[in-house]
Amino acid sequence: MDEVKMIVSCVVVKDNRKIVRVSFLRGNDYADGLLPDGIIEKAGGFTDVEVRKLENYLRTNRQDILNQAKTINPLRNWLGEW
């Protein structure tokens, strides 16, 4: 795969579950995933094989990504660093 950027959300509560949204971007291609499930919910531009690799990446790195999400302060990110 060419260079893929990953964007991680903060931990959010949806339907009484704590989740983290993860987006993968490559040019105009995108894949939106969900943790702790480790699944890609929707994608465009990535092949089926690439989507499976991204899901494998989510599952393999689940704890590291979740730990990263716990450190994100959404208000600070929205307002910008002072």
Protein backbone atom coordinates (compact mmCIF):
# COMPACT_ATOMS: atom_id res chain seq x y z
CA MET A 1 0.00 0.00 0.00
CA ASP A 2 1.07 3.57 -0.61
CA GLU A 3 1.29 5.95 2.33
CA VAL A 4 -1.83 5.61 4.47
CA LYS A 5 -2.66 8.11 7.20
CA MET A 6 -4.57 7.03 10.27
CA ILE A 7 -6.85 9.30 12.29
CA VAL A 8 -8.00 8.17 15.74
CA SER A 9 -10.97 9.65 17.60
CA CYS A 10 -11.24 10.06 21.32
CA VAL A 11 -13.21 7.44 23.23
CA VAL A 12 -16.95 8.04 22.77
CA VAL A 13 -20.01 6.34 24.20
CA LYS A 14 -22.59 5.03 21.74
CA ASP A 15 -25.45 2.75 22.73
CA ASN A 16 -23.87 2.39 26.20
CA ARG A 17 -20.60 1.13 24.63
CA LYS A 18 -17.22 2.79 24.64
CA ILE A 19 -15.92 2.94 21.08
CA VAL A 20 -13.14 4.54 19.09
CA ARG A 21 -13.47 5.48 15.45
CA VAL A 22 -10.42 5.03 13.25
CA SER A 23 -10.14 6.42 9.72
CA PHE A 24 -7.52 5.45 7.17
CA LEU A 25 -6.85 7.91 4.34
CA ARG A 26 -4.80 7.52 1.16
CA GLY A 27 -5.37 10.29 -1.34
CA ASN A 28 -9.10 10.07 -2.12
CA ASP A 29 -9.37 6.55 -0.66
CA TYR A 30 -10.86 6.08 2.79
CA ALA A 31 -11.75 3.34 5.24
CA ASP A 32 -13.66 3.95 8.45
CA GLY A 33 -13.19 1.44 11.24
CA LEU A 34 -14.43 0.80 14.73
CA LEU A 35 -12.72 -0.42 17.88
CA PRO A 36 -12.89 -2.52 19.97
CA ASP A 37 -14.63 -4.55 17.22
CA GLY A 38 -11.72 -4.22 14.80
CA ILE A 39 -13.93 -3.91 11.72
CA ILE A 40 -14.04 -1.54 8.77
CA GLU A 41 -17.61 -0.25 8.52
CA LYS A 42 -17.28 1.49 5.17
CA ALA A 43 -14.57 2.05 2.61
CA GLY A 44 -13.99 3.54 -0.78
CA GLY A 45 -10.99 3.10 -3.05
CA PHE A 46 -9.31 0.36 -1.00
CA THR A 47 -9.42 -3.15 -2.43
CA ASP A 48 -11.07 -5.98 -0.47
CA VAL A 49 -7.62 -7.36 0.31
CA GLU A 50 -6.47 -3.96 1.61
CA VAL A 51 -9.60 -3.65 3.77
CA ARG A 52 -8.85 -7.05 5.32
CA LYS A 53 -5.28 -5.91 6.00
CA LEU A 54 -6.59 -2.73 7.67
CA GLU A 55 -8.95 -4.81 9.83
CA ASN A 56 -6.05 -7.07 10.77
CA TYR A 57 -4.03 -3.97 11.66
CA LEU A 58 -6.87 -2.72 13.90
CA ARG A 59 -7.12 -6.05 15.71
CA THR A 60 -3.37 -6.52 16.06
CA ASN A 61 -2.84 -2.98 17.38
CA ARG A 62 -6.16 -2.67 19.24
CA GLN A 63 -4.73 -1.94 22.69
CA ASP A 64 -2.18 0.62 21.44
CA ILE A 65 -4.85 2.48 19.45
CA LEU A 66 -7.29 2.42 22.38
CA ASN A 67 -4.57 3.77 24.67
CA GLN A 68 -3.85 6.54 22.17
CA ALA A 69 -7.58 7.41 22.00
CA LYS A 70 -7.73 7.73 25.79
CA THR A 71 -5.14 10.54 25.66
CA ILE A 72 -7.08 12.65 23.16
CA ASN A 73 -8.78 15.72 24.58
CA PRO A 74 -11.53 16.58 22.07
CA LEU A 75 -12.07 20.10 23.39
CA ARG A 76 -8.39 20.99 23.15
CA ASN A 77 -8.20 19.54 19.64
CA TRP A 78 -11.31 21.44 18.58
CA LEU A 79 -10.08 24.76 19.97
CA GLY A 80 -6.48 24.20 18.98
CA GLU A 81 -3.45 24.05 21.25
CA TRP A 82 -2.91 27.22 23.30
